[in-house]
Amino acid sequence: MKLVVAPVGRVKEAEVRAVLDDYYGRIRRYAELAEVELKDDRDDRVVAQFDRSIAAQGARAELVTLEIEGRPLSSEAFAERLGALLDRAAVPVFALGGADGLPEAVRARSRWRLSLSAMTLPHRLARIVLAEQLYRAFTILRGEPYNR
């Protein structure tokens, strides 16, 4: 099992990096996780970076974009959907946009548009919420007590 988190932009705050690393460490108990931070640049260059990140995963890559207009899911429904992807040996690539969101060319390629909230979240907070929900999803799939 493998998954990729591909955010546009870098984490600059040590505290945010520490929280992400904690959750990523927890997730790695269940699956291989790669974080590919993409340079916040012109849309055409961001699209090219996503193309390379997806191509690196091969034919099994499935792009999941995080968007306000995406589909909101409960933690249990998210776990079920993630589990179905992993059961098919797909490699989910979770794309998070920068300050201007994701380029339309990336959004158009998405197999699954996910909304973390109808509210606009700061980039670093969205990354933490995604990391926590990925960890929570694995504990749900394993029947572990974290999800109370």
N, C-alpha and C. Protein backbone atom coordinates (compact mmCIF):
# COMPACT_ATOMS: atom_id res chain seq x y z
N MET A 1 0.83 -1.18 0.00
CA MET A 1 0.00 0.00 0.00
C MET A 1 0.88 1.24 0.00
N LYS A 2 0.49 2.18 -0.87
CA LYS A 2 1.24 3.42 -0.97
C LYS A 2 0.27 4.56 -1.20
N LEU A 3 0.64 5.73 -0.66
CA LEU A 3 -0.11 6.94 -0.94
C LEU A 3 0.85 8.11 -0.98
N VAL A 4 0.43 9.16 -1.70
CA VAL A 4 1.26 10.34 -1.89
C VAL A 4 0.47 11.57 -1.49
N VAL A 5 1.10 12.45 -0.74
CA VAL A 5 0.53 13.76 -0.42
C VAL A 5 1.36 14.76 -1.21
N ALA A 6 0.69 15.50 -2.12
CA ALA A 6 1.38 16.42 -3.02
C ALA A 6 0.82 17.84 -2.86
N PRO A 7 1.32 18.57 -1.88
CA PRO A 7 0.86 19.95 -1.69
C PRO A 7 1.69 20.94 -2.51
N VAL A 8 1.05 22.00 -2.94
CA VAL A 8 1.77 23.10 -3.56
C VAL A 8 2.23 24.00 -2.42
N GLY A 9 3.51 24.22 -2.35
CA GLY A 9 4.08 25.06 -1.29
C GLY A 9 4.75 24.23 -0.22
N ARG A 10 5.64 24.88 0.47
CA ARG A 10 6.41 24.24 1.53
C ARG A 10 5.91 24.67 2.90
N VAL A 11 6.10 23.80 3.87
CA VAL A 11 5.83 24.17 5.26
C VAL A 11 7.06 24.89 5.78
N LYS A 12 6.83 26.09 6.28
CA LYS A 12 7.95 26.89 6.79
C LYS A 12 8.03 26.88 8.31
N GLU A 13 6.90 26.66 8.97
CA GLU A 13 6.86 26.71 10.42
C GLU A 13 7.27 25.37 11.02
N ALA A 14 8.22 25.40 11.94
CA ALA A 14 8.72 24.17 12.56
C ALA A 14 7.61 23.42 13.29
N GLU A 15 6.68 24.16 13.91
CA GLU A 15 5.61 23.52 14.67
C GLU A 15 4.67 22.74 13.75
N VAL A 16 4.36 23.31 12.60
CA VAL A 16 3.49 22.63 11.64
C VAL A 16 4.21 21.40 11.09
N ARG A 17 5.49 21.55 10.77
CA ARG A 17 6.27 20.42 10.26
C ARG A 17 6.29 19.29 11.29
N ALA A 18 6.42 19.63 12.56
CA ALA A 18 6.44 18.60 13.62
C ALA A 18 5.12 17.85 13.69
N VAL A 19 4.01 18.56 13.58
CA VAL A 19 2.70 17.90 13.62
C VAL A 19 2.54 16.98 12.41
N LEU A 20 2.89 17.48 11.22
CA LEU A 20 2.79 16.66 10.01
C LEU A 20 3.67 15.41 10.13
N ASP A 21 4.90 15.60 10.57
CA ASP A 21 5.81 14.46 10.71
C ASP A 21 5.28 13.43 11.70
N ASP A 22 4.64 13.90 12.77
CA ASP A 22 4.05 12.98 13.74
C ASP A 22 2.97 12.13 13.06
N TYR A 23 2.04 12.77 12.36
CA TYR A 23 0.98 12.01 11.68
C TYR A 23 1.55 11.13 10.57
N TYR A 24 2.51 11.64 9.81
CA TYR A 24 3.10 10.83 8.75
C TYR A 24 3.78 9.59 9.33
N GLY A 25 4.42 9.74 10.47
CA GLY A 25 5.03 8.59 11.13
C GLY A 25 3.98 7.55 11.53
N ARG A 26 2.86 8.02 12.03
CA ARG A 26 1.76 7.11 12.39
C ARG A 26 1.21 6.40 11.16
N ILE A 27 1.01 7.15 10.08
CA ILE A 27 0.48 6.57 8.84
C ILE A 27 1.42 5.51 8.29
N ARG A 28 2.72 5.75 8.41
CA ARG A 28 3.71 4.81 7.85
C ARG A 28 3.70 3.45 8.56
N ARG A 29 3.00 3.34 9.68
CA ARG A 29 2.81 2.03 10.30
C ARG A 29 1.88 1.15 9.46
N TYR A 30 1.07 1.80 8.62
CA TYR A 30 0.05 1.09 7.84
C TYR A 30 0.37 1.05 6.34
N ALA A 31 1.06 2.06 5.84
CA ALA A 31 1.29 2.15 4.40
C ALA A 31 2.53 2.99 4.13
N GLU A 32 3.06 2.82 2.94
CA GLU A 32 4.15 3.68 2.49
C GLU A 32 3.57 5.05 2.16
N LEU A 33 4.18 6.09 2.66
CA LEU A 33 3.70 7.45 2.43
C LEU A 33 4.84 8.29 1.89
N ALA A 34 4.55 9.01 0.81
CA ALA A 34 5.51 9.96 0.26
C ALA A 34 4.87 11.34 0.27
N GLU A 35 5.64 12.32 0.70
CA GLU A 35 5.20 13.71 0.61
C GLU A 35 6.06 14.37 -0.45
N VAL A 36 5.40 14.96 -1.45
CA VAL A 36 6.10 15.63 -2.54
C VAL A 36 5.65 17.08 -2.54
N GLU A 37 6.44 17.95 -1.93
CA GLU A 37 6.10 19.36 -1.90
C GLU A 37 6.45 19.99 -3.24
N LEU A 38 5.45 20.62 -3.87
CA LEU A 38 5.63 21.22 -5.18
C LEU A 38 5.85 22.72 -5.05
N LYS A 39 6.64 23.26 -5.92
CA LYS A 39 6.94 24.69 -5.89
C LYS A 39 5.70 25.48 -6.30
N ASP A 40 5.38 26.49 -5.51
CA ASP A 40 4.26 27.38 -5.83
C ASP A 40 4.73 28.31 -6.95
N ASP A 41 4.17 28.11 -8.14
CA ASP A 41 4.67 28.76 -9.34
C ASP A 41 3.50 29.08 -10.26
N ARG A 42 3.80 29.47 -11.49
CA ARG A 42 2.75 29.69 -12.49
C ARG A 42 1.98 28.40 -12.71
N ASP A 43 0.72 28.53 -13.11
CA ASP A 43 -0.14 27.36 -13.30
C ASP A 43 0.48 26.31 -14.20
N ASP A 44 1.07 26.70 -15.32
CA ASP A 44 1.62 25.71 -16.25
C ASP A 44 2.76 24.92 -15.61
N ARG A 45 3.54 25.57 -14.77
CA ARG A 45 4.64 24.86 -14.09
C ARG A 45 4.11 23.96 -12.97
N VAL A 46 3.06 24.40 -12.29
CA VAL A 46 2.44 23.57 -11.25
C VAL A 46 1.84 22.32 -11.91
N VAL A 47 1.16 22.49 -13.04
CA VAL A 47 0.58 21.36 -13.77
C VAL A 47 1.69 20.38 -14.15
N ALA A 48 2.81 20.88 -14.65
CA ALA A 48 3.93 20.01 -15.03
C ALA A 48 4.47 19.25 -13.83
N GLN A 49 4.54 19.90 -12.67
CA GLN A 49 5.01 19.22 -11.46
C GLN A 49 4.05 18.10 -11.06
N PHE A 50 2.74 18.37 -11.13
CA PHE A 50 1.76 17.33 -10.82
C PHE A 50 1.88 16.18 -11.81
N ASP A 51 2.05 16.51 -13.09
CA ASP A 51 2.19 15.46 -14.10
C ASP A 51 3.36 14.54 -13.77
N ARG A 52 4.48 15.13 -13.38
CA ARG A 52 5.66 14.31 -13.03
C ARG A 52 5.39 13.48 -11.77
N SER A 53 4.74 14.07 -10.79
CA SER A 53 4.45 13.35 -9.54
C SER A 53 3.52 12.17 -9.79
N ILE A 54 2.54 12.37 -10.63
CA ILE A 54 1.59 11.29 -10.94
C ILE A 54 2.27 10.23 -11.80
N ALA A 55 3.02 10.65 -12.80
CA ALA A 55 3.71 9.70 -13.67
C ALA A 55 4.69 8.83 -12.88
N ALA A 56 5.30 9.39 -11.84
CA ALA A 56 6.24 8.62 -11.01
C ALA A 56 5.55 7.46 -10.30
N GLN A 57 4.23 7.53 -10.13
CA GLN A 57 3.49 6.46 -9.46
C GLN A 57 3.02 5.38 -10.44
N GLY A 58 3.16 5.63 -11.72
CA GLY A 58 2.78 4.64 -12.72
C GLY A 58 1.28 4.64 -12.99
N ALA A 59 0.85 3.61 -13.66
CA ALA A 59 -0.54 3.51 -14.11
C ALA A 59 -1.54 3.39 -12.95
N ARG A 60 -1.06 3.03 -11.80
CA ARG A 60 -1.97 2.84 -10.65
C ARG A 60 -2.31 4.14 -9.92
N ALA A 61 -1.70 5.26 -10.32
CA ALA A 61 -1.94 6.53 -9.64
C ALA A 61 -3.36 7.02 -9.89
N GLU A 62 -3.98 7.50 -8.81
CA GLU A 62 -5.32 8.10 -8.91
C GLU A 62 -5.27 9.44 -8.19
N LEU A 63 -5.51 10.51 -8.97
CA LEU A 63 -5.44 11.85 -8.42
C LEU A 63 -6.68 12.17 -7.61
N VAL A 64 -6.45 12.62 -6.38
CA VAL A 64 -7.51 13.07 -5.48
C VAL A 64 -7.22 14.54 -5.18
N THR A 65 -8.11 15.42 -5.60
CA THR A 65 -7.89 16.84 -5.34
C THR A 65 -8.70 17.28 -4.14
N LEU A 66 -8.10 18.13 -3.34
CA LEU A 66 -8.81 18.71 -2.20
C LEU A 66 -9.31 20.08 -2.63
N GLU A 67 -10.64 20.22 -2.62
CA GLU A 67 -11.28 21.42 -3.15
C GLU A 67 -12.50 21.77 -2.30
N ILE A 68 -12.77 23.05 -2.18
CA ILE A 68 -13.98 23.48 -1.47
C ILE A 68 -15.21 22.90 -2.16
N GLU A 69 -15.17 22.84 -3.50
CA GLU A 69 -16.31 22.34 -4.26
C GLU A 69 -16.37 20.81 -4.30
N GLY A 70 -15.42 20.16 -3.66
CA GLY A 70 -15.39 18.70 -3.66
C GLY A 70 -16.49 18.11 -2.80
N ARG A 71 -16.47 16.80 -2.72
CA ARG A 71 -17.49 16.07 -1.96
C ARG A 71 -17.05 15.94 -0.50
N PRO A 72 -17.86 16.44 0.43
CA PRO A 72 -17.52 16.24 1.84
C PRO A 72 -17.89 14.82 2.26
N LEU A 73 -17.05 14.22 3.07
CA LEU A 73 -17.29 12.86 3.55
C LEU A 73 -17.09 12.81 5.06
N SER A 74 -17.81 11.92 5.70
CA SER A 74 -17.52 11.64 7.10
C SER A 74 -16.19 10.89 7.18
N SER A 75 -15.63 10.81 8.35
CA SER A 75 -14.38 10.06 8.51
C SER A 75 -14.56 8.60 8.11
N GLU A 76 -15.70 8.03 8.44
CA GLU A 76 -15.96 6.63 8.09
C GLU A 76 -16.09 6.44 6.58
N ALA A 77 -16.78 7.37 5.92
CA ALA A 77 -16.93 7.28 4.46
C ALA A 77 -15.59 7.50 3.76
N PHE A 78 -14.78 8.41 4.31
CA PHE A 78 -13.44 8.64 3.76
C PHE A 78 -12.60 7.37 3.89
N ALA A 79 -12.66 6.73 5.06
CA ALA A 79 -11.91 5.50 5.27
C ALA A 79 -12.35 4.42 4.29
N GLU A 80 -13.65 4.30 4.09
CA GLU A 80 -14.18 3.30 3.16
C GLU A 80 -13.68 3.56 1.74
N ARG A 81 -13.71 4.81 1.33
CA ARG A 81 -13.27 5.16 -0.03
C ARG A 81 -11.76 4.93 -0.18
N LEU A 82 -10.98 5.32 0.82
CA LEU A 82 -9.54 5.09 0.79
C LEU A 82 -9.25 3.59 0.76
N GLY A 83 -9.96 2.84 1.59
CA GLY A 83 -9.78 1.38 1.61
C GLY A 83 -10.07 0.75 0.27
N ALA A 84 -11.11 1.22 -0.41
CA ALA A 84 -11.44 0.68 -1.74
C ALA A 84 -10.33 0.97 -2.74
N LEU A 85 -9.75 2.16 -2.67
CA LEU A 85 -8.62 2.48 -3.56
C LEU A 85 -7.44 1.56 -3.30
N LEU A 86 -7.11 1.41 -2.03
CA LEU A 86 -5.95 0.59 -1.67
C LEU A 86 -6.19 -0.88 -1.97
N ASP A 87 -7.42 -1.35 -1.83
CA ASP A 87 -7.75 -2.74 -2.17
C ASP A 87 -7.52 -3.02 -3.65
N ARG A 88 -7.72 -1.98 -4.49
CA ARG A 88 -7.49 -2.13 -5.93
C ARG A 88 -6.03 -1.92 -6.29
N ALA A 89 -5.19 -1.73 -5.29
CA ALA A 89 -3.76 -1.46 -5.47
C ALA A 89 -3.54 -0.13 -6.18
N ALA A 90 -4.49 0.78 -6.06
CA ALA A 90 -4.30 2.12 -6.60
C ALA A 90 -3.37 2.90 -5.67
N VAL A 91 -2.74 3.90 -6.21
CA VAL A 91 -1.88 4.79 -5.42
C VAL A 91 -2.54 6.16 -5.41
N PRO A 92 -3.26 6.49 -4.33
CA PRO A 92 -3.88 7.81 -4.28
C PRO A 92 -2.83 8.91 -4.14
N VAL A 93 -2.98 9.93 -4.97
CA VAL A 93 -2.12 11.10 -4.92
C VAL A 93 -3.02 12.27 -4.50
N PHE A 94 -2.86 12.72 -3.26
CA PHE A 94 -3.69 13.78 -2.70
C PHE A 94 -3.07 15.13 -3.04
N ALA A 95 -3.77 15.92 -3.86
CA ALA A 95 -3.27 17.21 -4.33
C ALA A 95 -3.91 18.34 -3.54
N LEU A 96 -3.07 19.17 -2.94
CA LEU A 96 -3.54 20.36 -2.22
C LEU A 96 -2.97 21.58 -2.92
N GLY A 97 -3.83 22.54 -3.23
CA GLY A 97 -3.40 23.74 -3.94
C GLY A 97 -2.70 24.73 -3.03
N GLY A 98 -2.13 25.72 -3.67
CA GLY A 98 -1.50 26.82 -2.96
C GLY A 98 -2.53 27.89 -2.63
N ALA A 99 -2.08 29.12 -2.48
CA ALA A 99 -2.97 30.22 -2.11
C ALA A 99 -4.09 30.44 -3.13
N ASP A 100 -3.82 30.14 -4.39
CA ASP A 100 -4.82 30.32 -5.44
C ASP A 100 -5.54 29.03 -5.79
N GLY A 101 -5.41 28.03 -4.97
CA GLY A 101 -6.04 26.74 -5.25
C GLY A 101 -5.26 25.95 -6.29
N LEU A 102 -5.92 24.97 -6.87
CA LEU A 102 -5.30 24.12 -7.87
C LEU A 102 -5.62 24.63 -9.27
N PRO A 103 -4.68 24.53 -10.20
CA PRO A 103 -4.98 24.91 -11.58
C PRO A 103 -6.10 24.04 -12.14
N GLU A 104 -6.91 24.61 -13.01
CA GLU A 104 -8.03 23.88 -13.60
C GLU A 104 -7.56 22.62 -14.31
N ALA A 105 -6.39 22.66 -14.94
CA ALA A 105 -5.88 21.48 -15.65
C ALA A 105 -5.63 20.32 -14.70
N VAL A 106 -5.26 20.60 -13.46
CA VAL A 106 -5.08 19.55 -12.46
C VAL A 106 -6.45 19.08 -11.97
N ARG A 107 -7.32 20.01 -11.67
CA ARG A 107 -8.66 19.65 -11.19
C ARG A 107 -9.40 18.77 -12.20
N ALA A 108 -9.22 19.05 -13.47
CA ALA A 108 -9.92 18.30 -14.52
C ALA A 108 -9.48 16.84 -14.57
N ARG A 109 -8.28 16.55 -14.11
CA ARG A 109 -7.76 15.17 -14.14
C ARG A 109 -8.12 14.36 -12.91
N SER A 110 -8.73 15.02 -11.95
CA SER A 110 -9.03 14.37 -10.67
C SER A 110 -10.03 13.23 -10.84
N ARG A 111 -9.76 12.12 -10.18
CA ARG A 111 -10.69 10.99 -10.14
C ARG A 111 -11.66 11.13 -8.98
N TRP A 112 -11.27 11.99 -8.02
CA TRP A 112 -12.06 12.14 -6.80
C TRP A 112 -11.78 13.53 -6.25
N ARG A 113 -12.83 14.33 -6.12
CA ARG A 113 -12.70 15.68 -5.56
C ARG A 113 -13.24 15.64 -4.14
N LEU A 114 -12.37 15.91 -3.20
CA LEU A 114 -12.68 15.81 -1.78
C LEU A 114 -12.70 17.20 -1.16
N SER A 115 -13.69 17.45 -0.32
CA SER A 115 -13.75 18.70 0.43
C SER A 115 -13.52 18.38 1.90
N LEU A 116 -12.57 19.08 2.50
CA LEU A 116 -12.35 18.94 3.94
C LEU A 116 -13.33 19.80 4.72
N SER A 117 -13.82 20.86 4.07
CA SER A 117 -14.76 21.78 4.71
C SER A 117 -15.31 22.72 3.66
N ALA A 118 -16.50 23.24 3.90
CA ALA A 118 -17.05 24.28 3.03
C ALA A 118 -16.34 25.61 3.29
N MET A 119 -15.63 25.68 4.40
CA MET A 119 -14.87 26.88 4.73
C MET A 119 -13.52 26.85 4.04
N THR A 120 -12.97 28.01 3.77
CA THR A 120 -11.62 28.10 3.24
C THR A 120 -10.65 27.89 4.40
N LEU A 121 -9.75 26.91 4.23
CA LEU A 121 -8.77 26.62 5.27
C LEU A 121 -7.40 27.13 4.84
N PRO A 122 -6.60 27.64 5.77
CA PRO A 122 -5.22 27.97 5.42
C PRO A 122 -4.51 26.69 4.98
N HIS A 123 -3.59 26.86 4.06
CA HIS A 123 -2.87 25.73 3.47
C HIS A 123 -2.30 24.79 4.52
N ARG A 124 -1.61 25.33 5.49
CA ARG A 124 -0.96 24.47 6.49
C ARG A 124 -1.98 23.72 7.34
N LEU A 125 -3.12 24.35 7.62
CA LEU A 125 -4.15 23.67 8.39
C LEU A 125 -4.79 22.56 7.56
N ALA A 126 -5.03 22.80 6.29
CA ALA A 126 -5.59 21.76 5.41
C ALA A 126 -4.66 20.55 5.36
N ARG A 127 -3.37 20.79 5.33
CA ARG A 127 -2.40 19.69 5.31
C ARG A 127 -2.48 18.86 6.59
N ILE A 128 -2.61 19.55 7.72
CA ILE A 128 -2.71 18.83 8.99
C ILE A 128 -4.01 18.04 9.06
N VAL A 129 -5.12 18.65 8.64
CA VAL A 129 -6.41 17.95 8.66
C VAL A 129 -6.35 16.71 7.77
N LEU A 130 -5.78 16.85 6.58
CA LEU A 130 -5.65 15.68 5.70
C LEU A 130 -4.81 14.59 6.37
N ALA A 131 -3.68 14.96 6.94
CA ALA A 131 -2.81 13.97 7.59
C ALA A 131 -3.54 13.25 8.71
N GLU A 132 -4.26 14.02 9.54
CA GLU A 132 -4.99 13.40 10.64
C GLU A 132 -6.08 12.48 10.12
N GLN A 133 -6.79 12.88 9.08
CA GLN A 133 -7.87 12.06 8.54
C GLN A 133 -7.33 10.80 7.85
N LEU A 134 -6.17 10.89 7.24
CA LEU A 134 -5.55 9.68 6.68
C LEU A 134 -5.21 8.69 7.80
N TYR A 135 -4.61 9.21 8.87
CA TYR A 135 -4.31 8.34 10.01
C TYR A 135 -5.59 7.74 10.59
N ARG A 136 -6.60 8.59 10.78
CA ARG A 136 -7.88 8.12 11.31
C ARG A 136 -8.48 7.05 10.39
N ALA A 137 -8.38 7.25 9.09
CA ALA A 137 -8.93 6.27 8.14
C ALA A 137 -8.28 4.90 8.33
N PHE A 138 -6.96 4.87 8.49
CA PHE A 138 -6.30 3.59 8.68
C PHE A 138 -6.72 2.93 9.99
N THR A 139 -6.91 3.73 11.04
CA THR A 139 -7.35 3.12 12.30
C THR A 139 -8.78 2.60 12.18
N ILE A 140 -9.62 3.29 11.43
CA ILE A 140 -10.99 2.81 11.19
C ILE A 140 -10.96 1.50 10.42
N LEU A 141 -10.14 1.47 9.36
CA LEU A 141 -10.05 0.25 8.53
C LEU A 141 -9.55 -0.95 9.34
N ARG A 142 -8.70 -0.68 10.33
CA ARG A 142 -8.14 -1.76 11.16
C ARG A 142 -8.98 -2.04 12.41
N GLY A 143 -10.02 -1.27 12.62
CA GLY A 143 -10.86 -1.46 13.80
C GLY A 143 -10.18 -1.07 15.09
N GLU A 144 -9.27 -0.14 15.01
CA GLU A 144 -8.55 0.32 16.21
C GLU A 144 -9.35 1.41 16.91
N PRO A 145 -9.12 1.64 18.20
CA PRO A 145 -9.98 2.51 19.00
C PRO A 145 -9.76 4.01 18.82
N TYR A 146 -8.85 4.47 17.96
CA TYR A 146 -8.57 5.90 17.83
C TYR A 146 -9.83 6.70 17.48
N ASN A 147 -10.66 6.18 16.61
CA ASN A 147 -11.84 6.91 16.13
C ASN A 147 -13.01 6.77 17.10
N ARG A 148 -13.03 7.61 18.11
CA ARG A 148 -14.13 7.56 19.08
C ARG A 148 -15.01 8.76 18.93
